[in-house]
Amino acid sequence: MNVYAVHTAKPDSVSAVEVVFLSEGEAREFAADRSTDERVLSASVTSYVVGLFGSRQPVCWFRGGAEQPVRFDRPDMFGS
């Protein structure tokens, strides 16, 4: 069974999983909305297969409500 976790990045931290969904669509919708909250720099969705070690896969990430391209050269959101 796949589940979809949403995490956020804030200026002073990166959160652990905030919420887990059974549907990718619900996770995407929540992450897009959450990424618009005050002090939230971005929100991402990761998929997991329950009970299967090593199954974690990035799905997508959002900034300001907009889905961002998946790439390794993301801007430095933390200013370091």
N, C-alpha and C. Protein backbone atom coordinates (compact mmCIF):
# COMPACT_ATOMS: atom_id res chain seq x y z
N MET A 1 0.84 -1.18 0.00
CA MET A 1 0.00 0.00 0.00
C MET A 1 0.89 1.24 0.00
N ASN A 2 0.64 2.15 -0.93
CA ASN A 2 1.37 3.43 -0.96
C ASN A 2 0.70 4.44 -0.05
N VAL A 3 1.53 5.25 0.62
CA VAL A 3 1.05 6.40 1.37
C VAL A 3 1.88 7.59 0.93
N TYR A 4 1.35 8.79 1.18
CA TYR A 4 1.98 10.02 0.72
C TYR A 4 2.12 10.98 1.89
N ALA A 5 3.34 11.34 2.22
CA ALA A 5 3.63 12.20 3.36
C ALA A 5 3.93 13.62 2.88
N VAL A 6 3.51 14.60 3.67
CA VAL A 6 3.79 16.01 3.37
C VAL A 6 4.73 16.55 4.44
N HIS A 7 5.79 17.23 4.01
CA HIS A 7 6.76 17.87 4.90
C HIS A 7 6.87 19.34 4.49
N THR A 8 7.27 20.21 5.40
CA THR A 8 7.47 21.61 5.06
C THR A 8 8.88 22.05 5.41
N ALA A 9 9.32 23.11 4.74
CA ALA A 9 10.58 23.78 5.07
C ALA A 9 10.22 25.19 5.52
N LYS A 10 10.83 25.59 6.63
CA LYS A 10 10.63 26.93 7.19
C LYS A 10 11.99 27.58 7.35
N PRO A 11 12.05 28.89 7.55
CA PRO A 11 13.35 29.56 7.64
C PRO A 11 14.28 28.96 8.70
N ASP A 12 13.72 28.43 9.77
CA ASP A 12 14.55 27.93 10.86
C ASP A 12 14.55 26.41 10.99
N SER A 13 13.84 25.70 10.10
CA SER A 13 13.81 24.24 10.23
C SER A 13 13.16 23.57 9.02
N VAL A 14 13.40 22.28 8.93
CA VAL A 14 12.67 21.43 7.99
C VAL A 14 11.88 20.47 8.86
N SER A 15 10.59 20.38 8.62
CA SER A 15 9.74 19.59 9.51
C SER A 15 9.85 18.10 9.22
N ALA A 16 9.49 17.34 10.23
CA ALA A 16 9.25 15.93 10.03
C ALA A 16 7.92 15.83 9.28
N VAL A 17 7.46 14.66 9.05
CA VAL A 17 6.18 14.48 8.37
C VAL A 17 5.08 15.19 9.15
N GLU A 18 4.31 16.01 8.45
CA GLU A 18 3.20 16.72 9.09
C GLU A 18 1.91 15.92 9.02
N VAL A 19 1.70 15.24 7.90
CA VAL A 19 0.46 14.49 7.70
C VAL A 19 0.71 13.44 6.62
N VAL A 20 -0.02 12.33 6.70
CA VAL A 20 0.09 11.23 5.73
C VAL A 20 -1.28 11.01 5.10
N PHE A 21 -1.28 10.84 3.78
CA PHE A 21 -2.51 10.62 3.03
C PHE A 21 -2.45 9.28 2.32
N LEU A 22 -3.61 8.72 2.04
CA LEU A 22 -3.69 7.48 1.26
C LEU A 22 -3.73 7.77 -0.24
N SER A 23 -4.02 9.03 -0.60
CA SER A 23 -4.10 9.38 -2.02
C SER A 23 -3.08 10.46 -2.36
N GLU A 24 -2.43 10.28 -3.50
CA GLU A 24 -1.45 11.27 -3.96
C GLU A 24 -2.12 12.61 -4.22
N GLY A 25 -3.31 12.59 -4.78
CA GLY A 25 -4.02 13.83 -5.09
C GLY A 25 -4.30 14.66 -3.85
N GLU A 26 -4.73 14.00 -2.78
CA GLU A 26 -4.99 14.72 -1.53
C GLU A 26 -3.69 15.30 -0.96
N ALA A 27 -2.62 14.54 -1.03
CA ALA A 27 -1.33 15.02 -0.53
C ALA A 27 -0.85 16.22 -1.33
N ARG A 28 -0.98 16.16 -2.65
CA ARG A 28 -0.58 17.29 -3.50
C ARG A 28 -1.40 18.54 -3.17
N GLU A 29 -2.71 18.36 -3.03
CA GLU A 29 -3.59 19.49 -2.73
C GLU A 29 -3.22 20.14 -1.39
N PHE A 30 -3.00 19.31 -0.38
CA PHE A 30 -2.63 19.82 0.94
C PHE A 30 -1.28 20.54 0.87
N ALA A 31 -0.29 19.94 0.20
CA ALA A 31 1.04 20.54 0.11
C ALA A 31 1.00 21.88 -0.62
N ALA A 32 0.24 21.95 -1.69
CA ALA A 32 0.13 23.22 -2.43
C ALA A 32 -0.44 24.30 -1.52
N ASP A 33 -1.50 23.97 -0.80
CA ASP A 33 -2.12 24.93 0.10
C ASP A 33 -1.19 25.28 1.26
N ARG A 34 -0.55 24.28 1.84
CA ARG A 34 0.34 24.51 2.99
C ARG A 34 1.51 25.39 2.60
N SER A 35 1.97 25.29 1.36
CA SER A 35 3.13 26.07 0.92
C SER A 35 2.84 27.57 0.86
N THR A 36 1.58 27.95 1.00
CA THR A 36 1.21 29.37 1.00
C THR A 36 1.10 29.93 2.42
N ASP A 37 1.24 29.08 3.44
CA ASP A 37 1.12 29.53 4.82
C ASP A 37 2.29 30.43 5.23
N GLU A 38 2.01 31.32 6.16
CA GLU A 38 3.05 32.22 6.66
C GLU A 38 4.23 31.42 7.20
N ARG A 39 5.42 31.85 6.88
CA ARG A 39 6.69 31.24 7.31
C ARG A 39 7.00 29.90 6.66
N VAL A 40 6.16 29.39 5.79
CA VAL A 40 6.45 28.14 5.09
C VAL A 40 7.11 28.49 3.76
N LEU A 41 8.35 28.02 3.58
CA LEU A 41 9.07 28.29 2.34
C LEU A 41 8.67 27.33 1.23
N SER A 42 8.42 26.08 1.60
CA SER A 42 8.01 25.08 0.62
C SER A 42 7.37 23.90 1.33
N ALA A 43 6.63 23.12 0.57
CA ALA A 43 6.04 21.88 1.08
C ALA A 43 6.28 20.80 0.03
N SER A 44 6.65 19.62 0.48
CA SER A 44 6.94 18.54 -0.46
C SER A 44 6.12 17.29 -0.13
N VAL A 45 5.96 16.46 -1.15
CA VAL A 45 5.23 15.20 -1.03
C VAL A 45 6.21 14.08 -1.33
N THR A 46 6.21 13.07 -0.47
CA THR A 46 7.04 11.89 -0.64
C THR A 46 6.15 10.66 -0.55
N SER A 47 6.39 9.68 -1.41
CA SER A 47 5.61 8.45 -1.34
C SER A 47 6.41 7.35 -0.64
N TYR A 48 5.69 6.47 0.04
CA TYR A 48 6.27 5.33 0.73
C TYR A 48 5.38 4.12 0.48
N VAL A 49 5.98 2.94 0.48
CA VAL A 49 5.21 1.71 0.50
C VAL A 49 5.25 1.23 1.94
N VAL A 50 4.09 1.06 2.54
CA VAL A 50 4.01 0.67 3.94
C VAL A 50 4.74 -0.65 4.15
N GLY A 51 5.64 -0.65 5.13
CA GLY A 51 6.36 -1.87 5.50
C GLY A 51 7.50 -2.26 4.59
N LEU A 52 7.87 -1.40 3.63
CA LEU A 52 8.95 -1.74 2.70
C LEU A 52 10.09 -0.75 2.85
N PHE A 53 11.14 -1.16 3.52
CA PHE A 53 12.32 -0.31 3.72
C PHE A 53 12.90 0.11 2.37
N GLY A 54 13.30 1.37 2.27
CA GLY A 54 13.92 1.88 1.05
C GLY A 54 12.94 2.26 -0.04
N SER A 55 11.65 2.31 0.28
CA SER A 55 10.65 2.60 -0.75
C SER A 55 10.37 4.09 -0.93
N ARG A 56 11.00 4.93 -0.11
CA ARG A 56 10.73 6.38 -0.17
C ARG A 56 11.09 6.94 -1.54
N GLN A 57 10.16 7.71 -2.12
CA GLN A 57 10.38 8.35 -3.42
C GLN A 57 9.82 9.77 -3.39
N PRO A 58 10.62 10.78 -3.81
CA PRO A 58 10.06 12.12 -3.90
C PRO A 58 9.00 12.17 -5.00
N VAL A 59 7.92 12.91 -4.74
CA VAL A 59 6.84 13.03 -5.71
C VAL A 59 6.84 14.43 -6.32
N CYS A 60 6.77 15.46 -5.47
CA CYS A 60 6.72 16.83 -5.96
C CYS A 60 6.98 17.79 -4.81
N TRP A 61 7.16 19.07 -5.17
CA TRP A 61 7.27 20.10 -4.13
C TRP A 61 6.64 21.38 -4.64
N PHE A 62 6.19 22.20 -3.68
CA PHE A 62 5.44 23.42 -3.97
C PHE A 62 6.07 24.59 -3.25
N ARG A 63 6.00 25.73 -3.89
CA ARG A 63 6.45 26.98 -3.28
C ARG A 63 5.41 28.04 -3.64
N GLY A 64 4.84 28.69 -2.63
CA GLY A 64 3.82 29.71 -2.87
C GLY A 64 2.61 29.19 -3.61
N GLY A 65 2.29 27.90 -3.40
CA GLY A 65 1.13 27.31 -4.04
C GLY A 65 1.36 26.74 -5.42
N ALA A 66 2.54 26.97 -5.98
CA ALA A 66 2.84 26.50 -7.34
C ALA A 66 3.80 25.31 -7.30
N GLU A 67 3.48 24.28 -8.08
CA GLU A 67 4.37 23.13 -8.16
C GLU A 67 5.67 23.56 -8.84
N GLN A 68 6.78 23.09 -8.29
CA GLN A 68 8.10 23.46 -8.79
C GLN A 68 8.70 22.30 -9.58
N PRO A 69 9.59 22.61 -10.53
CA PRO A 69 10.24 21.52 -11.27
C PRO A 69 11.11 20.69 -10.33
N VAL A 70 11.10 19.40 -10.53
CA VAL A 70 11.95 18.51 -9.73
C VAL A 70 13.33 18.54 -10.36
N ARG A 71 14.29 19.07 -9.61
CA ARG A 71 15.66 19.16 -10.09
C ARG A 71 16.58 19.32 -8.89
N PHE A 72 17.86 19.17 -9.11
CA PHE A 72 18.81 19.22 -8.00
C PHE A 72 19.37 20.60 -7.77
N ASP A 73 19.12 21.56 -8.65
CA ASP A 73 19.68 22.90 -8.48
C ASP A 73 18.63 23.88 -7.95
N ARG A 74 17.90 23.46 -6.93
CA ARG A 74 16.90 24.33 -6.32
C ARG A 74 17.58 25.55 -5.72
N PRO A 75 16.89 26.68 -5.70
CA PRO A 75 17.48 27.87 -5.09
C PRO A 75 17.71 27.66 -3.60
N ASP A 76 18.71 28.32 -3.08
CA ASP A 76 19.01 28.22 -1.65
C ASP A 76 17.97 29.01 -0.89
N MET A 77 16.96 28.33 -0.36
CA MET A 77 15.86 29.00 0.33
C MET A 77 16.23 29.43 1.74
N PHE A 78 17.35 28.91 2.26
CA PHE A 78 17.70 29.20 3.64
C PHE A 78 18.75 30.31 3.76
N GLY A 79 19.22 30.81 2.62
CA GLY A 79 20.14 31.93 2.64
C GLY A 79 21.53 31.61 3.17
N SER A 80 21.92 30.35 3.11
CA SER A 80 23.26 30.00 3.59
C SER A 80 24.23 29.84 2.45
